[in-house]
Each structure stands twice: as C-alpha cells, then as structure tokens.
Amino acid sequence: MKSDHQDTNTSLKLNNNQLANAKKFLIPTFFVLMMGCVIPNSVFATTIEESSVTRSTGTMIDDENIEHLVNKQLSEQIPKGSFTVVSYGKKVLLTGQVPNKMDRDKAKSIADNIQGVKGVWNYLSVGANENAGNITNDAYLTSLAKTRFIAQKDVNTNNIKIVTSNKIVYLLGYDVGKPSQVRAAVSGVKSIDGVHGVVNLIGK
C-alpha cells in the first residue's frame, strides 16, 4: 500500500516514441526536460549531460547552483519569459523566448550578476513560447545529434553537452577530441532533417 506521505514529484519522464527511435541507434538515451528548478510558464530544452570526468564534482555542483539561482531570478523578474538555463564550467547558456528585446537584455544582466558566473551566452529570442510539441521534437533532435558524435572516431562524447531549443542545437564542452572529427560530427548534426541551425560553443 502506498504511503500517504509518498513523494509525488516526477523527476524524469521518457517519451516512448522518442526512446524507440533512439534505440535504433543502439544507445541508451535519456531525455531531460528539466534543468535546475521549475519556472512557472517556462519551457526547458532537452540536454544530454556529460559524465563527471569532464568537470570536477565541485564544479558540477557549482553549475547546478548557478542554474537554480539564475532560474529563480528570471522567474521572479521576467515572469512571462520561457527559459532554458544551462551552466557549463560556470558559463551560462540562455535559450528560450521573451516578450521583447528589453527582457532579453535584462535576462543576460540577471545571469551576469549571479555569483560565480564567468560568462553568459545569450541566445534568447523575442517571440511566442514553445509548445509541448516543440519540446518533444527538440528531445528527438537531441538524440539524433548525440548519435552523430558517437559515430565519429576520436571524439569524446563524455565531454560534450548537447542542448536543443526551438530546433536549434547547442554544443558545449572542452577537450572533446580530434578537431577534424569534431567538425565532421558538427556537419552531421547540421544535416539532420528538422535541425534549423547549430551553435557550436565547444571550447569557448
């Protein structure tokens, strides 16, 4: 019998159709639809996280704290925005949608002023928020992008984080492998049907 005090929060949901497609590539793919804390009226991109060999445990904890703090401030100060916040090596990637350019600039300023943040990549767009269908599609594109890197020799996929937001794929990481092979993988991601662009932030 379930306890009345059982925690009903759901930490991870897998889309069965996406998982089935991912299995065709013989890789275990997990779709993470939440980064940091949950923001009301927000949309979260899909990421594939790198393993702990890339960043120290301390740095990973710092990144999680930064994500939480940035999310909290954005939620409070720009409540109509839809944000994806990813911190990697204490550098923050902002994607999503905001109502106007003023809010876009404000969001960057908020992230810049969070303690510990070393830099901000601001890729917020002005426009309507993504819907559930868009998010599901982003998850699928993320899984396909991952397979392009796995297929390349001399590429360390453990050191790469992939984020997809509104059909744009963002790549983050350090020491990811042989440059020519990485470039080939990036070209492969660009060729994926449905991908509207690739932002390569690897090594930056």
C-alpha atoms as a PDB file:
ATOM      1  CA  MET A   1       0.000   0.000   0.000  1.00  0.00           C
ATOM      2  CA  LYS A   2       1.313   3.424  -0.923  1.00  0.00           C
ATOM      3  CA  SER A   3       2.129   5.752   1.939  1.00  0.00           C
ATOM      4  CA  ASP A   4       0.060   8.916   2.290  1.00  0.00           C
ATOM      5  CA  HIS A   5       3.361  10.730   2.534  1.00  0.00           C
ATOM      6  CA  GLN A   6       4.775   9.301  -0.692  1.00  0.00           C
ATOM      7  CA  ASP A   7       6.559  11.944  -2.778  1.00  0.00           C
ATOM      8  CA  THR A   8       4.530  12.510  -5.924  1.00  0.00           C
ATOM      9  CA  ASN A   9       7.089  14.659  -7.740  1.00  0.00           C
ATOM     10  CA  THR A  10       8.150  13.156 -11.048  1.00  0.00           C
ATOM     11  CA  SER A  11      11.866  13.623 -11.697  1.00  0.00           C
ATOM     12  CA  LEU A  12      12.067  12.242 -15.229  1.00  0.00           C
ATOM     13  CA  LYS A  13       9.639  11.305 -17.982  1.00  0.00           C
ATOM     14  CA  LEU A  14      10.614   9.339 -21.055  1.00  0.00           C
ATOM     15  CA  ASN A  15       8.737   9.748 -24.280  1.00  0.00           C
ATOM     16  CA  ASN A  16       8.161   6.188 -25.518  1.00  0.00           C
ATOM     17  CA  ASN A  17       8.194   7.087 -29.200  1.00  0.00           C
ATOM     18  CA  GLN A  18      11.451   9.017 -28.857  1.00  0.00           C
ATOM     19  CA  LEU A  19      13.021   6.215 -26.850  1.00  0.00           C
ATOM     20  CA  ALA A  20      12.053   3.710 -29.516  1.00  0.00           C
ATOM     21  CA  ASN A  21      13.705   5.816 -32.190  1.00  0.00           C
ATOM     22  CA  ALA A  22      16.816   6.277 -30.086  1.00  0.00           C
ATOM     23  CA  LYS A  23      17.148   2.523 -29.579  1.00  0.00           C
ATOM     24  CA  LYS A  24      17.511   2.126 -33.311  1.00  0.00           C
ATOM     25  CA  PHE A  25      20.923   3.686 -32.901  1.00  0.00           C
ATOM     26  CA  LEU A  26      21.793   1.208 -30.128  1.00  0.00           C
ATOM     27  CA  ILE A  27      22.402   3.847 -27.496  1.00  0.00           C
ATOM     28  CA  PRO A  28      20.643   4.484 -24.185  1.00  0.00           C
ATOM     29  CA  THR A  29      19.167   7.966 -24.496  1.00  0.00           C
ATOM     30  CA  PHE A  30      17.624   9.853 -21.645  1.00  0.00           C
ATOM     31  CA  PHE A  31      15.583  12.962 -22.358  1.00  0.00           C
ATOM     32  CA  VAL A  32      15.991  15.514 -19.604  1.00  0.00           C
ATOM     33  CA  LEU A  33      13.218  18.086 -19.857  1.00  0.00           C
ATOM     34  CA  MET A  34      14.120  19.996 -16.748  1.00  0.00           C
ATOM     35  CA  MET A  35      17.260  21.944 -15.803  1.00  0.00           C
ATOM     36  CA  GLY A  36      17.633  23.476 -12.364  1.00  0.00           C
ATOM     37  CA  CYS A  37      14.371  24.386 -10.650  1.00  0.00           C
ATOM     38  CA  VAL A  38      10.990  24.574 -12.332  1.00  0.00           C
ATOM     39  CA  ILE A  39       9.916  28.028 -13.502  1.00  0.00           C
ATOM     40  CA  PRO A  40       6.219  28.807 -13.983  1.00  0.00           C
ATOM     41  CA  ASN A  41       5.353  29.404 -17.663  1.00  0.00           C
ATOM     42  CA  SER A  42       8.787  28.236 -18.754  1.00  0.00           C
ATOM     43  CA  VAL A  43       9.992  25.807 -21.396  1.00  0.00           C
ATOM     44  CA  PHE A  44      13.064  23.641 -20.873  1.00  0.00           C
ATOM     45  CA  ALA A  45      15.273  22.395 -23.683  1.00  0.00           C
ATOM     46  CA  THR A  46      16.456  18.818 -23.886  1.00  0.00           C
ATOM     47  CA  THR A  47      20.027  18.111 -22.886  1.00  0.00           C
ATOM     48  CA  ILE A  48      22.347  15.139 -22.843  1.00  0.00           C
ATOM     49  CA  GLU A  49      24.672  15.553 -19.888  1.00  0.00           C
ATOM     50  CA  GLU A  50      28.343  14.677 -19.918  1.00  0.00           C
ATOM     51  CA  SER A  51      29.807  12.410 -17.273  1.00  0.00           C
ATOM     52  CA  SER A  52      31.689  13.571 -14.212  1.00  0.00           C
ATOM     53  CA  VAL A  53      35.060  13.014 -15.902  1.00  0.00           C
ATOM     54  CA  THR A  54      34.686  16.375 -17.648  1.00  0.00           C
ATOM     55  CA  ARG A  55      34.108  18.547 -14.621  1.00  0.00           C
ATOM     56  CA  SER A  56      35.022  18.004 -11.003  1.00  0.00           C
ATOM     57  CA  THR A  57      32.224  17.202  -8.592  1.00  0.00           C
ATOM     58  CA  GLY A  58      32.656  20.646  -7.080  1.00  0.00           C
ATOM     59  CA  THR A  59      32.297  22.374 -10.435  1.00  0.00           C
ATOM     60  CA  MET A  60      29.234  20.320 -11.318  1.00  0.00           C
ATOM     61  CA  ILE A  61      27.620  21.288  -8.014  1.00  0.00           C
ATOM     62  CA  ASP A  62      28.521  24.934  -8.681  1.00  0.00           C
ATOM     63  CA  ASP A  63      26.893  24.688 -12.123  1.00  0.00           C
ATOM     64  CA  GLU A  64      23.723  23.221 -10.621  1.00  0.00           C
ATOM     65  CA  ASN A  65      23.580  26.005  -8.042  1.00  0.00           C
ATOM     66  CA  ILE A  66      24.100  28.630 -10.742  1.00  0.00           C
ATOM     67  CA  GLU A  67      21.273  27.153 -12.805  1.00  0.00           C
ATOM     68  CA  HIS A  68      18.998  27.228  -9.776  1.00  0.00           C
ATOM     69  CA  LEU A  69      19.831  30.829  -8.916  1.00  0.00           C
ATOM     70  CA  VAL A  70      19.513  32.098 -12.490  1.00  0.00           C
ATOM     71  CA  ASN A  71      16.217  30.265 -12.957  1.00  0.00           C
ATOM     72  CA  LYS A  72      14.851  31.717  -9.730  1.00  0.00           C
ATOM     73  CA  GLN A  73      15.768  35.289 -10.633  1.00  0.00           C
ATOM     74  CA  LEU A  74      14.450  35.004 -14.169  1.00  0.00           C
ATOM     75  CA  SER A  75      11.178  33.570 -12.907  1.00  0.00           C
ATOM     76  CA  GLU A  76      10.736  36.412 -10.458  1.00  0.00           C
ATOM     77  CA  GLN A  77      11.859  39.284 -12.681  1.00  0.00           C
ATOM     78  CA  ILE A  78      10.629  38.155 -16.129  1.00  0.00           C
ATOM     79  CA  PRO A  79       7.560  36.029 -15.329  1.00  0.00           C
ATOM     80  CA  LYS A  80       6.275  35.957 -18.915  1.00  0.00           C
ATOM     81  CA  GLY A  81       9.516  34.574 -20.301  1.00  0.00           C
ATOM     82  CA  SER A  82      10.217  30.959 -21.232  1.00  0.00           C
ATOM     83  CA  PHE A  83      13.770  29.988 -20.331  1.00  0.00           C
ATOM     84  CA  THR A  84      16.289  27.213 -20.645  1.00  0.00           C
ATOM     85  CA  VAL A  85      19.279  27.782 -18.391  1.00  0.00           C
ATOM     86  CA  VAL A  86      22.382  25.602 -18.676  1.00  0.00           C
ATOM     87  CA  SER A  87      25.603  26.240 -16.777  1.00  0.00           C
ATOM     88  CA  TYR A  88      28.762  24.531 -18.026  1.00  0.00           C
ATOM     89  CA  GLY A  89      32.045  25.319 -16.325  1.00  0.00           C
ATOM     90  CA  LYS A  90      30.284  28.311 -14.701  1.00  0.00           C
ATOM     91  CA  LYS A  91      29.423  29.760 -18.125  1.00  0.00           C
ATOM     92  CA  VAL A  92      25.688  30.136 -18.646  1.00  0.00           C
ATOM     93  CA  LEU A  93      23.732  29.394 -21.800  1.00  0.00           C
ATOM     94  CA  LEU A  94      20.345  31.120 -22.049  1.00  0.00           C
ATOM     95  CA  THR A  95      17.839  29.940 -24.634  1.00  0.00           C
ATOM     96  CA  GLY A  96      14.091  30.275 -24.906  1.00  0.00           C
ATOM     97  CA  GLN A  97      11.691  33.120 -25.587  1.00  0.00           C
ATOM     98  CA  VAL A  98      10.911  36.502 -24.051  1.00  0.00           C
ATOM     99  CA  PRO A  99       8.224  39.080 -24.905  1.00  0.00           C
ATOM    100  CA  ASN A 100      10.590  41.849 -26.016  1.00  0.00           C
ATOM    101  CA  LYS A 101      14.211  42.923 -26.504  1.00  0.00           C
ATOM    102  CA  MET A 102      14.254  44.741 -23.180  1.00  0.00           C
ATOM    103  CA  ASP A 103      13.520  41.481 -21.378  1.00  0.00           C
ATOM    104  CA  ARG A 104      16.172  39.722 -23.458  1.00  0.00           C
ATOM    105  CA  ASP A 105      18.818  42.194 -22.327  1.00  0.00           C
ATOM    106  CA  LYS A 106      17.514  42.090 -18.770  1.00  0.00           C
ATOM    107  CA  ALA A 107      17.835  38.308 -18.668  1.00  0.00           C
ATOM    108  CA  LYS A 108      21.508  38.487 -19.618  1.00  0.00           C
ATOM    109  CA  SER A 109      22.135  41.117 -16.973  1.00  0.00           C
ATOM    110  CA  ILE A 110      20.449  38.930 -14.359  1.00  0.00           C
ATOM    111  CA  ALA A 111      22.625  35.943 -15.245  1.00  0.00           C
ATOM    112  CA  ASP A 112      25.786  38.058 -15.394  1.00  0.00           C
ATOM    113  CA  ASN A 113      25.201  39.233 -11.844  1.00  0.00           C
ATOM    114  CA  ILE A 114      24.765  35.806 -10.270  1.00  0.00           C
ATOM    115  CA  GLN A 115      27.715  34.991  -8.026  1.00  0.00           C
ATOM    116  CA  GLY A 116      30.175  32.588  -9.650  1.00  0.00           C
ATOM    117  CA  VAL A 117      29.068  33.129 -13.253  1.00  0.00           C
ATOM    118  CA  LYS A 118      32.073  33.589 -15.565  1.00  0.00           C
ATOM    119  CA  GLY A 119      30.176  34.473 -18.723  1.00  0.00           C
ATOM    120  CA  VAL A 120      26.789  34.348 -20.447  1.00  0.00           C
ATOM    121  CA  TRP A 121      25.810  33.145 -23.912  1.00  0.00           C
ATOM    122  CA  ASN A 122      22.507  34.870 -24.577  1.00  0.00           C
ATOM    123  CA  TYR A 123      20.518  33.090 -27.300  1.00  0.00           C
ATOM    124  CA  LEU A 124      17.077  34.130 -26.113  1.00  0.00           C
ATOM    125  CA  SER A 125      14.704  35.071 -28.907  1.00  0.00           C
ATOM    126  CA  VAL A 126      11.814  37.511 -28.907  1.00  0.00           C
ATOM    127  CA  GLY A 127       8.555  35.718 -29.648  1.00  0.00           C
ATOM    128  CA  ALA A 128       5.924  33.248 -28.503  1.00  0.00           C
ATOM    129  CA  ASN A 129       6.846  30.416 -26.149  1.00  0.00           C
ATOM    130  CA  GLU A 130       7.425  26.892 -27.438  1.00  0.00           C
ATOM    131  CA  ASN A 131       4.572  24.432 -27.021  1.00  0.00           C
ATOM    132  CA  ALA A 132       4.669  20.809 -25.841  1.00  0.00           C
ATOM    133  CA  GLY A 133       5.005  19.513 -29.389  1.00  0.00           C
ATOM    134  CA  ASN A 134       8.056  21.685 -29.984  1.00  0.00           C
ATOM    135  CA  ILE A 135       9.679  20.362 -26.807  1.00  0.00           C
ATOM    136  CA  THR A 136       9.061  16.755 -27.835  1.00  0.00           C
ATOM    137  CA  ASN A 137      10.626  17.410 -31.211  1.00  0.00           C
ATOM    138  CA  ASP A 138      13.632  19.071 -29.566  1.00  0.00           C
ATOM    139  CA  ALA A 139      14.132  15.920 -27.483  1.00  0.00           C
ATOM    140  CA  TYR A 140      14.186  13.784 -30.599  1.00  0.00           C
ATOM    141  CA  LEU A 141      16.645  16.101 -32.374  1.00  0.00           C
ATOM    142  CA  THR A 142      18.918  15.975 -29.338  1.00  0.00           C
ATOM    143  CA  SER A 143      19.034  12.174 -29.500  1.00  0.00           C
ATOM    144  CA  LEU A 144      19.907  12.268 -33.199  1.00  0.00           C
ATOM    145  CA  ALA A 145      22.610  14.869 -32.634  1.00  0.00           C
ATOM    146  CA  LYS A 146      24.184  12.636 -29.993  1.00  0.00           C
ATOM    147  CA  THR A 147      24.403   9.751 -32.452  1.00  0.00           C
ATOM    148  CA  ARG A 148      26.369  11.906 -34.900  1.00  0.00           C
ATOM    149  CA  PHE A 149      29.088  12.384 -32.296  1.00  0.00           C
ATOM    150  CA  ILE A 150      29.062   8.750 -31.199  1.00  0.00           C
ATOM    151  CA  ALA A 151      29.592   7.689 -34.823  1.00  0.00           C
ATOM    152  CA  GLN A 152      32.827   9.685 -35.105  1.00  0.00           C
ATOM    153  CA  LYS A 153      36.154   8.193 -34.076  1.00  0.00           C
ATOM    154  CA  ASP A 154      38.460  10.169 -31.775  1.00  0.00           C
ATOM    155  CA  VAL A 155      35.582  12.170 -30.281  1.00  0.00           C
ATOM    156  CA  ASN A 156      35.000  12.028 -26.530  1.00  0.00           C
ATOM    157  CA  THR A 157      31.228  12.276 -26.192  1.00  0.00           C
ATOM    158  CA  ASN A 158      31.622  12.182 -22.405  1.00  0.00           C
ATOM    159  CA  ASN A 159      32.925  15.746 -22.630  1.00  0.00           C
ATOM    160  CA  ILE A 160      30.076  17.126 -24.723  1.00  0.00           C
ATOM    161  CA  LYS A 161      26.746  18.559 -23.619  1.00  0.00           C
ATOM    162  CA  ILE A 162      24.025  18.866 -26.243  1.00  0.00           C
ATOM    163  CA  VAL A 163      21.076  21.221 -25.820  1.00  0.00           C
ATOM    164  CA  THR A 164      18.238  21.633 -28.306  1.00  0.00           C
ATOM    165  CA  SER A 165      15.845  24.569 -28.108  1.00  0.00           C
ATOM    166  CA  ASN A 166      13.327  25.506 -30.801  1.00  0.00           C
ATOM    167  CA  LYS A 167      15.091  23.273 -33.376  1.00  0.00           C
ATOM    168  CA  ILE A 168      18.475  24.902 -32.743  1.00  0.00           C
ATOM    169  CA  VAL A 169      21.178  22.549 -31.425  1.00  0.00           C
ATOM    170  CA  TYR A 170      23.727  23.977 -28.976  1.00  0.00           C
ATOM    171  CA  LEU A 171      27.022  22.179 -28.329  1.00  0.00           C
ATOM    172  CA  LEU A 172      29.111  22.763 -25.213  1.00  0.00           C
ATOM    173  CA  GLY A 173      32.254  21.079 -23.929  1.00  0.00           C
ATOM    174  CA  TYR A 174      36.009  21.000 -23.513  1.00  0.00           C
ATOM    175  CA  ASP A 175      38.708  18.555 -24.616  1.00  0.00           C
ATOM    176  CA  VAL A 176      36.238  16.762 -26.838  1.00  0.00           C
ATOM    177  CA  GLY A 177      38.702  15.095 -29.190  1.00  0.00           C
ATOM    178  CA  LYS A 178      40.359  15.457 -32.575  1.00  0.00           C
ATOM    179  CA  PRO A 179      39.257  18.781 -34.160  1.00  0.00           C
ATOM    180  CA  SER A 180      38.728  17.356 -37.639  1.00  0.00           C
ATOM    181  CA  GLN A 181      36.498  14.609 -36.274  1.00  0.00           C
ATOM    182  CA  VAL A 182      34.557  17.080 -34.161  1.00  0.00           C
ATOM    183  CA  ARG A 183      33.990  19.246 -37.233  1.00  0.00           C
ATOM    184  CA  ALA A 184      32.729  16.201 -39.117  1.00  0.00           C
ATOM    185  CA  ALA A 185      30.288  15.441 -36.307  1.00  0.00           C
ATOM    186  CA  VAL A 186      29.066  19.033 -36.256  1.00  0.00           C
ATOM    187  CA  SER A 187      28.480  18.845 -40.010  1.00  0.00           C
ATOM    188  CA  GLY A 188      26.498  15.683 -39.417  1.00  0.00           C
ATOM    189  CA  VAL A 189      24.302  17.451 -36.875  1.00  0.00           C
ATOM    190  CA  LYS A 190      23.669  20.282 -39.329  1.00  0.00           C
ATOM    191  CA  SER A 191      22.434  17.745 -41.897  1.00  0.00           C
ATOM    192  CA  ILE A 192      19.762  16.283 -39.597  1.00  0.00           C
ATOM    193  CA  ASP A 193      16.283  16.784 -41.011  1.00  0.00           C
ATOM    194  CA  GLY A 194      14.469  19.287 -38.805  1.00  0.00           C
ATOM    195  CA  VAL A 195      17.540  20.978 -37.365  1.00  0.00           C
ATOM    196  CA  HIS A 196      17.374  24.674 -38.201  1.00  0.00           C
ATOM    197  CA  GLY A 197      20.862  25.548 -37.003  1.00  0.00           C
ATOM    198  CA  VAL A 198      23.834  24.573 -34.843  1.00  0.00           C
ATOM    199  CA  VAL A 199      25.553  26.843 -32.329  1.00  0.00           C
ATOM    200  CA  ASN A 200      28.995  25.400 -31.599  1.00  0.00           C
ATOM    201  CA  LEU A 201      30.263  26.621 -28.226  1.00  0.00           C
ATOM    202  CA  ILE A 202      32.741  23.786 -27.746  1.00  0.00           C
ATOM    203  CA  GLY A 203      35.982  25.066 -26.249  1.00  0.00           C
ATOM    204  CA  LYS A 204      34.615  28.581 -25.740  1.00  0.00           C
END
